[in-house]
């Protein structure tokens, strides 16, 4: 590993803009058990754009609420502190990169669509395992955020990276190419960026170890869920590609066998039929959440 490249990259990440103050204040308030709904509304309500987006998403099929959410106070009451925090983090993370332009090689829209697909898959898996689905949705949404840090820090090198990985049918494991060009892979870059942004430790762990969940210090199930969600998202996308390109032919059983072996280490007794069912649910959910995706993106 070229330590000078790594040092330069980390310096560039540290010089990237901080998250808007509203995000830090929301994370602090929602972490304080003494905080009230009024405390949260005082922070968010001055930001009209953020308030509008929260209300739009709260009224989308994503939540499936029976009654319309008509105000921020109503949203906080119905969705709760944690869910409002998740919405704020998701929205602010996207806004931080909204100025990124589509390049000749890098399809930013495709990047965000994959991120959303991974987020939906993470929520489905979390529901299956009776975990906090909406928090894992956020982790899935920002799981590849380290790639955007690479794009900003080294745009020319990132173009080269895209060109080198473009011919690969399976783009899931490109760590060696990333290390050669940037010094570290995108998951480690994600850790550096989220630490700068003072994100909660559980989100940093889920994002930073989503390719190597066995390396997570806290033995959390979150990195495992994002790891599987990422695989299912890639398989879903490749199945779409197969419909239009006869040369794409992926043996999904290999991926399923690896997932079954991984989850059994965590006491989860899934088999291949369970994974097929989850992938089917993901396909159906992606069709249903097209409108929600447009709101997030």
C-alpha atoms as a PDB file:
ATOM      1  CA  UNK A   1       0.000   0.000   0.000  1.00  0.00           C
ATOM      2  CA  UNK A   2       1.310   3.440  -0.964  1.00  0.00           C
ATOM      3  CA  UNK A   3       1.149   5.337   2.328  1.00  0.00           C
ATOM      4  CA  UNK A   4       1.548   8.713   0.591  1.00  0.00           C
ATOM      5  CA  UNK A   5      -1.620   8.090  -1.454  1.00  0.00           C
ATOM      6  CA  UNK A   6      -3.510   7.045   1.669  1.00  0.00           C
ATOM      7  CA  UNK A   7      -2.285  10.097   3.581  1.00  0.00           C
ATOM      8  CA  UNK A   8      -3.306  12.430   0.750  1.00  0.00           C
ATOM      9  CA  UNK A   9      -6.716  10.793   0.457  1.00  0.00           C
ATOM     10  CA  UNK A  10      -7.417  11.015   4.194  1.00  0.00           C
ATOM     11  CA  UNK A  11      -6.342  14.667   4.212  1.00  0.00           C
ATOM     12  CA  UNK A  12      -8.776  15.401   1.379  1.00  0.00           C
ATOM     13  CA  UNK A  13     -11.598  13.615   3.225  1.00  0.00           C
ATOM     14  CA  UNK A  14     -10.878  15.651   6.353  1.00  0.00           C
ATOM     15  CA  UNK A  15     -11.062  18.858   4.309  1.00  0.00           C
ATOM     16  CA  UNK A  16     -14.477  18.016   2.879  1.00  0.00           C
ATOM     17  CA  UNK A  17     -17.371  20.182   4.093  1.00  0.00           C
ATOM     18  CA  UNK A  18     -18.995  19.287   7.386  1.00  0.00           C
ATOM     19  CA  UNK A  19     -22.612  18.224   7.498  1.00  0.00           C
ATOM     20  CA  UNK A  20     -25.131  21.033   8.004  1.00  0.00           C
ATOM     21  CA  UNK A  21     -25.586  22.000  11.653  1.00  0.00           C
ATOM     22  CA  UNK A  22     -29.180  20.768  11.623  1.00  0.00           C
ATOM     23  CA  UNK A  23     -27.993  17.169  11.219  1.00  0.00           C
ATOM     24  CA  UNK A  24     -25.669  17.326  14.246  1.00  0.00           C
ATOM     25  CA  UNK A  25     -28.316  18.983  16.390  1.00  0.00           C
ATOM     26  CA  UNK A  26     -30.951  16.392  15.404  1.00  0.00           C
ATOM     27  CA  UNK A  27     -28.581  13.522  16.208  1.00  0.00           C
ATOM     28  CA  UNK A  28     -27.780  15.068  19.607  1.00  0.00           C
ATOM     29  CA  UNK A  29     -31.407  15.766  20.504  1.00  0.00           C
ATOM     30  CA  UNK A  30     -32.643  12.316  19.495  1.00  0.00           C
ATOM     31  CA  UNK A  31     -29.843  10.711  21.535  1.00  0.00           C
ATOM     32  CA  UNK A  32     -30.908  12.621  24.660  1.00  0.00           C
ATOM     33  CA  UNK A  33     -33.700  10.807  26.558  1.00  0.00           C
ATOM     34  CA  UNK A  34     -34.734  14.098  28.161  1.00  0.00           C
ATOM     35  CA  UNK A  35     -35.498  15.753  24.821  1.00  0.00           C
ATOM     36  CA  UNK A  36     -39.057  16.505  23.793  1.00  0.00           C
ATOM     37  CA  UNK A  37     -40.898  16.718  20.482  1.00  0.00           C
ATOM     38  CA  UNK A  38     -40.761  20.503  20.777  1.00  0.00           C
ATOM     39  CA  UNK A  39     -36.946  20.391  21.034  1.00  0.00           C
ATOM     40  CA  UNK A  40     -36.796  18.426  17.788  1.00  0.00           C
ATOM     41  CA  UNK A  41     -39.269  20.665  15.956  1.00  0.00           C
ATOM     42  CA  UNK A  42     -37.380  23.819  16.963  1.00  0.00           C
ATOM     43  CA  UNK A  43     -34.315  22.456  15.168  1.00  0.00           C
ATOM     44  CA  UNK A  44     -36.004  21.224  11.992  1.00  0.00           C
ATOM     45  CA  UNK A  45     -38.846  23.703  11.368  1.00  0.00           C
ATOM     46  CA  UNK A  46     -36.644  26.676  10.327  1.00  0.00           C
ATOM     47  CA  UNK A  47     -35.356  24.530   7.437  1.00  0.00           C
ATOM     48  CA  UNK A  48     -38.347  24.698   5.103  1.00  0.00           C
ATOM     49  CA  UNK A  49     -36.812  22.450   2.449  1.00  0.00           C
ATOM     50  CA  UNK A  50     -35.989  19.722   4.956  1.00  0.00           C
ATOM     51  CA  UNK A  51     -39.426  19.967   6.581  1.00  0.00           C
ATOM     52  CA  UNK A  52     -41.136  19.672   3.191  1.00  0.00           C
ATOM     53  CA  UNK A  53     -39.127  16.599   2.245  1.00  0.00           C
ATOM     54  CA  UNK A  54     -39.858  14.906   5.596  1.00  0.00           C
ATOM     55  CA  UNK A  55     -43.604  15.456   5.100  1.00  0.00           C
ATOM     56  CA  UNK A  56     -43.493  14.164   1.510  1.00  0.00           C
ATOM     57  CA  UNK A  57     -41.689  10.970   2.507  1.00  0.00           C
ATOM     58  CA  UNK A  58     -43.885  10.514   5.599  1.00  0.00           C
ATOM     59  CA  UNK A  59     -46.934  10.537   3.299  1.00  0.00           C
ATOM     60  CA  UNK A  60     -45.399   8.191   0.722  1.00  0.00           C
ATOM     61  CA  UNK A  61     -46.151   4.450   0.377  1.00  0.00           C
ATOM     62  CA  UNK A  62     -42.821   3.873   2.138  1.00  0.00           C
ATOM     63  CA  UNK A  63     -44.599   4.243   5.482  1.00  0.00           C
ATOM     64  CA  UNK A  64     -48.099   3.314   4.406  1.00  0.00           C
ATOM     65  CA  UNK A  65     -49.768   5.468   7.050  1.00  0.00           C
ATOM     66  CA  UNK A  66     -53.568   5.403   7.155  1.00  0.00           C
ATOM     67  CA  UNK A  67     -53.939   9.167   7.641  1.00  0.00           C
ATOM     68  CA  UNK A  68     -52.154  12.063   5.994  1.00  0.00           C
ATOM     69  CA  UNK A  69     -49.310  13.615   7.990  1.00  0.00           C
ATOM     70  CA  UNK A  70     -50.143  17.303   7.789  1.00  0.00           C
ATOM     71  CA  UNK A  71     -47.462  18.956   9.925  1.00  0.00           C
ATOM     72  CA  UNK A  72     -43.982  18.448  11.317  1.00  0.00           C
ATOM     73  CA  UNK A  73     -45.455  18.016  14.790  1.00  0.00           C
ATOM     74  CA  UNK A  74     -47.738  15.302  13.440  1.00  0.00           C
ATOM     75  CA  UNK A  75     -44.754  13.610  11.739  1.00  0.00           C
ATOM     76  CA  UNK A  76     -42.727  13.589  14.958  1.00  0.00           C
ATOM     77  CA  UNK A  77     -45.714  12.216  16.889  1.00  0.00           C
ATOM     78  CA  UNK A  78     -46.561   9.476  14.372  1.00  0.00           C
ATOM     79  CA  UNK A  79     -43.078   8.431  13.276  1.00  0.00           C
ATOM     80  CA  UNK A  80     -41.149   9.064  16.484  1.00  0.00           C
ATOM     81  CA  UNK A  81     -37.732  10.531  17.286  1.00  0.00           C
ATOM     82  CA  UNK A  82     -35.624   7.763  15.773  1.00  0.00           C
ATOM     83  CA  UNK A  83     -37.449   7.772  12.468  1.00  0.00           C
ATOM     84  CA  UNK A  84     -37.238  11.546  12.097  1.00  0.00           C
ATOM     85  CA  UNK A  85     -33.509  11.265  12.820  1.00  0.00           C
ATOM     86  CA  UNK A  86     -33.205   8.628  10.075  1.00  0.00           C
ATOM     87  CA  UNK A  87     -35.038  10.852   7.596  1.00  0.00           C
ATOM     88  CA  UNK A  88     -32.846  13.833   8.433  1.00  0.00           C
ATOM     89  CA  UNK A  89     -29.616  11.831   8.092  1.00  0.00           C
ATOM     90  CA  UNK A  90     -30.754  10.342   4.776  1.00  0.00           C
ATOM     91  CA  UNK A  91     -31.832  13.682   3.356  1.00  0.00           C
ATOM     92  CA  UNK A  92     -28.769  15.601   4.505  1.00  0.00           C
ATOM     93  CA  UNK A  93     -26.398  12.901   3.207  1.00  0.00           C
ATOM     94  CA  UNK A  94     -27.943  13.213  -0.247  1.00  0.00           C
ATOM     95  CA  UNK A  95     -27.915  17.009  -0.112  1.00  0.00           C
ATOM     96  CA  UNK A  96     -24.198  16.969   0.698  1.00  0.00           C
ATOM     97  CA  UNK A  97     -23.490  15.448  -2.710  1.00  0.00           C
ATOM     98  CA  UNK A  98     -26.226  17.074  -4.787  1.00  0.00           C
ATOM     99  CA  UNK A  99     -23.687  19.221  -6.665  1.00  0.00           C
ATOM    100  CA  UNK A 100     -21.892  16.154  -8.050  1.00  0.00           C
ATOM    101  CA  UNK A 101     -22.286  16.049 -11.811  1.00  0.00           C
ATOM    102  CA  UNK A 102     -22.606  13.020 -14.030  1.00  0.00           C
ATOM    103  CA  UNK A 103     -19.287  12.349 -15.748  1.00  0.00           C
ATOM    104  CA  UNK A 104     -18.518  10.514 -18.970  1.00  0.00           C
ATOM    105  CA  UNK A 105     -17.852   7.270 -17.075  1.00  0.00           C
ATOM    106  CA  UNK A 106     -19.594   7.640 -13.708  1.00  0.00           C
ATOM    107  CA  UNK A 107     -23.382   7.353 -13.756  1.00  0.00           C
ATOM    108  CA  UNK A 108     -24.335   9.120 -10.524  1.00  0.00           C
ATOM    109  CA  UNK A 109     -28.024   8.294 -10.962  1.00  0.00           C
ATOM    110  CA  UNK A 110     -27.233   4.587 -11.257  1.00  0.00           C
ATOM    111  CA  UNK A 111     -25.086   4.884  -8.133  1.00  0.00           C
ATOM    112  CA  UNK A 112     -27.960   6.336  -6.104  1.00  0.00           C
ATOM    113  CA  UNK A 113     -30.429   3.792  -7.487  1.00  0.00           C
ATOM    114  CA  UNK A 114     -28.160   0.982  -6.310  1.00  0.00           C
ATOM    115  CA  UNK A 115     -27.886   2.703  -2.921  1.00  0.00           C
ATOM    116  CA  UNK A 116     -31.670   2.912  -2.639  1.00  0.00           C
ATOM    117  CA  UNK A 117     -32.031  -0.722  -3.709  1.00  0.00           C
ATOM    118  CA  UNK A 118     -29.553  -1.776  -1.014  1.00  0.00           C
ATOM    119  CA  UNK A 119     -31.492   0.322   1.519  1.00  0.00           C
ATOM    120  CA  UNK A 120     -34.770  -1.401   0.626  1.00  0.00           C
ATOM    121  CA  UNK A 121     -33.070  -4.815   0.821  1.00  0.00           C
ATOM    122  CA  UNK A 122     -31.637  -3.935   4.251  1.00  0.00           C
ATOM    123  CA  UNK A 123     -35.076  -2.958   5.528  1.00  0.00           C
ATOM    124  CA  UNK A 124     -36.571  -6.220   4.219  1.00  0.00           C
ATOM    125  CA  UNK A 125     -33.852  -8.315   5.868  1.00  0.00           C
ATOM    126  CA  UNK A 126     -34.127  -6.364   9.124  1.00  0.00           C
ATOM    127  CA  UNK A 127     -37.882  -6.946   9.200  1.00  0.00           C
ATOM    128  CA  UNK A 128     -37.265 -10.653   8.602  1.00  0.00           C
ATOM    129  CA  UNK A 129     -34.844 -10.721  11.553  1.00  0.00           C
ATOM    130  CA  UNK A 130     -37.003  -8.400  13.699  1.00  0.00           C
ATOM    131  CA  UNK A 131     -34.320  -5.690  13.826  1.00  0.00           C
ATOM    132  CA  UNK A 132     -34.612  -1.907  13.509  1.00  0.00           C
ATOM    133  CA  UNK A 133     -35.452  -1.822   9.814  1.00  0.00           C
ATOM    134  CA  UNK A 134     -35.564   1.900   9.184  1.00  0.00           C
ATOM    135  CA  UNK A 135     -32.169   2.560  10.774  1.00  0.00           C
ATOM    136  CA  UNK A 136     -30.680  -0.160   8.586  1.00  0.00           C
ATOM    137  CA  UNK A 137     -32.411   1.472   5.630  1.00  0.00           C
ATOM    138  CA  UNK A 138     -30.201   4.506   6.269  1.00  0.00           C
ATOM    139  CA  UNK A 139     -27.086   2.324   6.490  1.00  0.00           C
ATOM    140  CA  UNK A 140     -27.984   0.713   3.162  1.00  0.00           C
ATOM    141  CA  UNK A 141     -28.609   4.098   1.618  1.00  0.00           C
ATOM    142  CA  UNK A 142     -25.112   5.378   2.464  1.00  0.00           C
ATOM    143  CA  UNK A 143     -23.180   2.079   2.347  1.00  0.00           C
ATOM    144  CA  UNK A 144     -21.081   3.125  -0.684  1.00  0.00           C
ATOM    145  CA  UNK A 145     -20.595   6.741   0.354  1.00  0.00           C
ATOM    146  CA  UNK A 146     -16.830   6.174   0.377  1.00  0.00           C
ATOM    147  CA  UNK A 147     -16.969   5.954  -3.431  1.00  0.00           C
ATOM    148  CA  UNK A 148     -18.306   9.502  -3.574  1.00  0.00           C
ATOM    149  CA  UNK A 149     -15.403  10.612  -1.373  1.00  0.00           C
ATOM    150  CA  UNK A 150     -13.068   8.971  -3.903  1.00  0.00           C
ATOM    151  CA  UNK A 151     -14.829  10.748  -6.768  1.00  0.00           C
ATOM    152  CA  UNK A 152     -14.507  14.146  -5.095  1.00  0.00           C
ATOM    153  CA  UNK A 153     -10.909  13.663  -3.916  1.00  0.00           C
ATOM    154  CA  UNK A 154      -9.482  12.127  -7.099  1.00  0.00           C
ATOM    155  CA  UNK A 155     -11.876  12.724 -10.035  1.00  0.00           C
ATOM    156  CA  UNK A 156      -9.393  11.758 -12.774  1.00  0.00           C
ATOM    157  CA  UNK A 157      -8.313   8.606 -10.941  1.00  0.00           C
ATOM    158  CA  UNK A 158     -11.941   7.731 -10.284  1.00  0.00           C
ATOM    159  CA  UNK A 159     -12.648   7.865 -14.010  1.00  0.00           C
ATOM    160  CA  UNK A 160      -9.801   5.378 -14.490  1.00  0.00           C
ATOM    161  CA  UNK A 161     -11.276   3.173 -11.748  1.00  0.00           C
ATOM    162  CA  UNK A 162     -14.691   3.167 -13.459  1.00  0.00           C
ATOM    163  CA  UNK A 163     -13.129   2.262 -16.791  1.00  0.00           C
ATOM    164  CA  UNK A 164     -11.161  -0.626 -15.247  1.00  0.00           C
ATOM    165  CA  UNK A 165     -14.197  -2.066 -13.471  1.00  0.00           C
ATOM    166  CA  UNK A 166     -16.761  -1.422 -16.224  1.00  0.00           C
ATOM    167  CA  UNK A 167     -16.107  -4.720 -18.092  1.00  0.00           C
ATOM    168  CA  UNK A 168     -16.640  -6.772 -14.930  1.00  0.00           C
ATOM    169  CA  UNK A 169     -20.017  -8.505 -14.829  1.00  0.00           C
ATOM    170  CA  UNK A 170     -19.741  -8.809 -11.064  1.00  0.00           C
ATOM    171  CA  UNK A 171     -18.681  -5.460  -9.587  1.00  0.00           C
ATOM    172  CA  UNK A 172     -19.113  -6.565  -6.009  1.00  0.00           C
ATOM    173  CA  UNK A 173     -15.428  -7.174  -5.213  1.00  0.00           C
ATOM    174  CA  UNK A 174     -13.116  -4.533  -6.637  1.00  0.00           C
ATOM    175  CA  UNK A 175     -11.035  -3.895  -3.514  1.00  0.00           C
ATOM    176  CA  UNK A 176      -7.632  -4.552  -5.047  1.00  0.00           C
ATOM    177  CA  UNK A 177      -8.263  -2.065  -7.852  1.00  0.00           C
ATOM    178  CA  UNK A 178      -9.388   0.530  -5.296  1.00  0.00           C
ATOM    179  CA  UNK A 179      -6.296  -0.068  -3.159  1.00  0.00           C
ATOM    180  CA  UNK A 180      -4.004   0.270  -6.177  1.00  0.00           C
ATOM    181  CA  UNK A 181      -5.545   3.591  -7.213  1.00  0.00           C
ATOM    182  CA  UNK A 182      -6.646   5.229  -3.945  1.00  0.00           C
ATOM    183  CA  UNK A 183      -4.632   3.377  -1.301  1.00  0.00           C
ATOM    184  CA  UNK A 184      -7.716   2.178   0.578  1.00  0.00           C
ATOM    185  CA  UNK A 185     -11.019   0.547  -0.461  1.00  0.00           C
ATOM    186  CA  UNK A 186     -14.305   2.464  -0.459  1.00  0.00           C
ATOM    187  CA  UNK A 187     -15.581   0.925   2.784  1.00  0.00           C
ATOM    188  CA  UNK A 188     -12.582   2.300   4.693  1.00  0.00           C
ATOM    189  CA  UNK A 189     -13.051   5.662   2.967  1.00  0.00           C
ATOM    190  CA  UNK A 190     -16.659   5.556   4.167  1.00  0.00           C
ATOM    191  CA  UNK A 191     -15.498   5.107   7.759  1.00  0.00           C
ATOM    192  CA  UNK A 192     -13.222   8.157   7.509  1.00  0.00           C
ATOM    193  CA  UNK A 193     -15.979  10.349   6.080  1.00  0.00           C
ATOM    194  CA  UNK A 194     -18.673   9.265   8.555  1.00  0.00           C
ATOM    195  CA  UNK A 195     -16.275   9.716  11.479  1.00  0.00           C
ATOM    196  CA  UNK A 196     -15.628  13.266  10.272  1.00  0.00           C
ATOM    197  CA  UNK A 197     -19.374  13.790  10.157  1.00  0.00           C
ATOM    198  CA  UNK A 198     -19.742  12.403  13.712  1.00  0.00           C
ATOM    199  CA  UNK A 199     -22.264   9.774  12.659  1.00  0.00           C
ATOM    200  CA  UNK A 200     -23.522   7.272  15.256  1.00  0.00           C
ATOM    201  CA  UNK A 201     -21.145   4.345  15.816  1.00  0.00           C
ATOM    202  CA  UNK A 202     -23.698   1.740  14.711  1.00  0.00           C
ATOM    203  CA  UNK A 203     -24.039   3.422  11.297  1.00  0.00           C
ATOM    204  CA  UNK A 204     -20.268   3.756  10.913  1.00  0.00           C
ATOM    205  CA  UNK A 205     -19.859   0.059  11.693  1.00  0.00           C
ATOM    206  CA  UNK A 206     -22.612  -1.030   9.302  1.00  0.00           C
ATOM    207  CA  UNK A 207     -21.163   1.045   6.454  1.00  0.00           C
ATOM    208  CA  UNK A 208     -17.489   0.520   7.208  1.00  0.00           C
ATOM    209  CA  UNK A 209     -17.639  -3.261   7.488  1.00  0.00           C
ATOM    210  CA  UNK A 210     -20.334  -4.108   4.966  1.00  0.00           C
ATOM    211  CA  UNK A 211     -17.813  -6.022   2.842  1.00  0.00           C
ATOM    212  CA  UNK A 212     -16.052  -7.638   5.817  1.00  0.00           C
ATOM    213  CA  UNK A 213     -18.660  -8.011   8.580  1.00  0.00           C
ATOM    214  CA  UNK A 214     -16.440 -10.471  10.438  1.00  0.00           C
ATOM    215  CA  UNK A 215     -13.993  -7.617  11.154  1.00  0.00           C
ATOM    216  CA  UNK A 216     -16.503  -5.438  13.022  1.00  0.00           C
ATOM    217  CA  UNK A 217     -15.361  -4.972  16.626  1.00  0.00           C
ATOM    218  CA  UNK A 218     -18.781  -5.032  18.250  1.00  0.00           C
ATOM    219  CA  UNK A 219     -19.969  -8.292  16.670  1.00  0.00           C
ATOM    220  CA  UNK A 220     -23.078  -6.421  15.507  1.00  0.00           C
ATOM    221  CA  UNK A 221     -25.550  -7.960  13.086  1.00  0.00           C
ATOM    222  CA  UNK A 222     -25.815  -4.622  11.207  1.00  0.00           C
ATOM    223  CA  UNK A 223     -22.713  -5.078   8.990  1.00  0.00           C
ATOM    224  CA  UNK A 224     -23.940  -8.593   8.155  1.00  0.00           C
ATOM    225  CA  UNK A 225     -27.342  -7.256   7.094  1.00  0.00           C
ATOM    226  CA  UNK A 226     -25.813  -4.529   4.894  1.00  0.00           C
ATOM    227  CA  UNK A 227     -23.408  -7.091   3.423  1.00  0.00           C
ATOM    228  CA  UNK A 228     -26.311  -9.329   2.415  1.00  0.00           C
ATOM    229  CA  UNK A 229     -28.444  -6.391   1.281  1.00  0.00           C
ATOM    230  CA  UNK A 230     -25.646  -5.228  -1.002  1.00  0.00           C
ATOM    231  CA  UNK A 231     -25.371  -8.694  -2.554  1.00  0.00           C
ATOM    232  CA  UNK A 232     -29.148  -8.933  -3.073  1.00  0.00           C
ATOM    233  CA  UNK A 233     -29.164  -5.454  -4.628  1.00  0.00           C
ATOM    234  CA  UNK A 234     -26.418  -6.477  -7.062  1.00  0.00           C
ATOM    235  CA  UNK A 235     -28.243  -9.709  -7.910  1.00  0.00           C
ATOM    236  CA  UNK A 236     -31.473  -7.791  -8.486  1.00  0.00           C
ATOM    237  CA  UNK A 237     -29.685  -5.365 -10.800  1.00  0.00           C
ATOM    238  CA  UNK A 238     -27.970  -8.198 -12.672  1.00  0.00           C
ATOM    239  CA  UNK A 239     -31.303  -9.946 -13.139  1.00  0.00           C
ATOM    240  CA  UNK A 240     -32.600  -6.753 -14.762  1.00  0.00           C
ATOM    241  CA  UNK A 241     -29.524  -6.704 -17.008  1.00  0.00           C
ATOM    242  CA  UNK A 242     -30.125 -10.331 -17.995  1.00  0.00           C
ATOM    243  CA  UNK A 243     -33.497  -9.357 -19.416  1.00  0.00           C
ATOM    244  CA  UNK A 244     -31.827  -7.058 -21.950  1.00  0.00           C
ATOM    245  CA  UNK A 245     -28.397  -8.676 -22.380  1.00  0.00           C
ATOM    246  CA  UNK A 246     -28.103 -12.381 -23.144  1.00  0.00           C
ATOM    247  CA  UNK A 247     -24.367 -12.303 -22.353  1.00  0.00           C
ATOM    248  CA  UNK A 248     -25.085 -11.652 -18.674  1.00  0.00           C
ATOM    249  CA  UNK A 249     -25.449 -14.971 -16.907  1.00  0.00           C
ATOM    250  CA  UNK A 250     -24.724 -15.056 -13.184  1.00  0.00           C
ATOM    251  CA  UNK A 251     -24.853 -18.187 -11.042  1.00  0.00           C
ATOM    252  CA  UNK A 252     -26.733 -16.764  -8.061  1.00  0.00           C
ATOM    253  CA  UNK A 253     -26.525 -20.062  -6.194  1.00  0.00           C
ATOM    254  CA  UNK A 254     -22.850 -19.334  -5.452  1.00  0.00           C
ATOM    255  CA  UNK A 255     -23.817 -16.083  -3.719  1.00  0.00           C
ATOM    256  CA  UNK A 256     -26.672 -17.751  -1.856  1.00  0.00           C
ATOM    257  CA  UNK A 257     -24.411 -20.507  -0.523  1.00  0.00           C
ATOM    258  CA  UNK A 258     -21.959 -17.897   0.832  1.00  0.00           C
ATOM    259  CA  UNK A 259     -24.790 -15.989   2.533  1.00  0.00           C
ATOM    260  CA  UNK A 260     -26.190 -19.164   4.134  1.00  0.00           C
ATOM    261  CA  UNK A 261     -22.759 -19.990   5.566  1.00  0.00           C
ATOM    262  CA  UNK A 262     -22.304 -16.427   6.850  1.00  0.00           C
ATOM    263  CA  UNK A 263     -25.650 -16.091   8.619  1.00  0.00           C
ATOM    264  CA  UNK A 264     -25.327 -19.485  10.283  1.00  0.00           C
ATOM    265  CA  UNK A 265     -22.289 -18.118  12.119  1.00  0.00           C
ATOM    266  CA  UNK A 266     -24.749 -15.657  13.674  1.00  0.00           C
ATOM    267  CA  UNK A 267     -27.337 -18.284  14.569  1.00  0.00           C
ATOM    268  CA  UNK A 268     -29.625 -17.528  11.619  1.00  0.00           C
ATOM    269  CA  UNK A 269     -30.935 -20.669   9.947  1.00  0.00           C
ATOM    270  CA  UNK A 270     -31.646 -19.522   6.417  1.00  0.00           C
ATOM    271  CA  UNK A 271     -31.557 -21.711   3.361  1.00  0.00           C
ATOM    272  CA  UNK A 272     -31.452 -20.958  -0.364  1.00  0.00           C
ATOM    273  CA  UNK A 273     -35.253 -20.851  -0.640  1.00  0.00           C
ATOM    274  CA  UNK A 274     -35.324 -18.103   2.025  1.00  0.00           C
ATOM    275  CA  UNK A 275     -32.897 -16.020  -0.029  1.00  0.00           C
ATOM    276  CA  UNK A 276     -34.895 -16.537  -3.206  1.00  0.00           C
ATOM    277  CA  UNK A 277     -37.974 -15.330  -1.327  1.00  0.00           C
ATOM    278  CA  UNK A 278     -36.122 -12.237  -0.043  1.00  0.00           C
ATOM    279  CA  UNK A 279     -34.919 -11.405  -3.555  1.00  0.00           C
ATOM    280  CA  UNK A 280     -38.483 -11.735  -4.867  1.00  0.00           C
ATOM    281  CA  UNK A 281     -39.677  -9.401  -2.110  1.00  0.00           C
ATOM    282  CA  UNK A 282     -36.943  -6.942  -3.082  1.00  0.00           C
ATOM    283  CA  UNK A 283     -38.041  -6.990  -6.726  1.00  0.00           C
ATOM    284  CA  UNK A 284     -41.650  -6.338  -5.726  1.00  0.00           C
ATOM    285  CA  UNK A 285     -40.651  -3.582  -3.303  1.00  0.00           C
ATOM    286  CA  UNK A 286     -38.526  -1.794  -5.887  1.00  0.00           C
ATOM    287  CA  UNK A 287     -41.545  -1.666  -8.193  1.00  0.00           C
ATOM    288  CA  UNK A 288     -43.700  -0.284  -5.387  1.00  0.00           C
ATOM    289  CA  UNK A 289     -41.196   2.297  -4.130  1.00  0.00           C
ATOM    290  CA  UNK A 290     -40.401   4.090  -7.393  1.00  0.00           C
ATOM    291  CA  UNK A 291     -42.110   7.229  -6.115  1.00  0.00           C
ATOM    292  CA  UNK A 292     -40.303   7.100  -2.781  1.00  0.00           C
ATOM    293  CA  UNK A 293     -36.969   6.675  -4.536  1.00  0.00           C
ATOM    294  CA  UNK A 294     -37.583   9.842  -6.549  1.00  0.00           C
ATOM    295  CA  UNK A 295     -38.247  11.720  -3.293  1.00  0.00           C
ATOM    296  CA  UNK A 296     -34.987  10.555  -1.729  1.00  0.00           C
ATOM    297  CA  UNK A 297     -33.010  11.200  -4.899  1.00  0.00           C
END
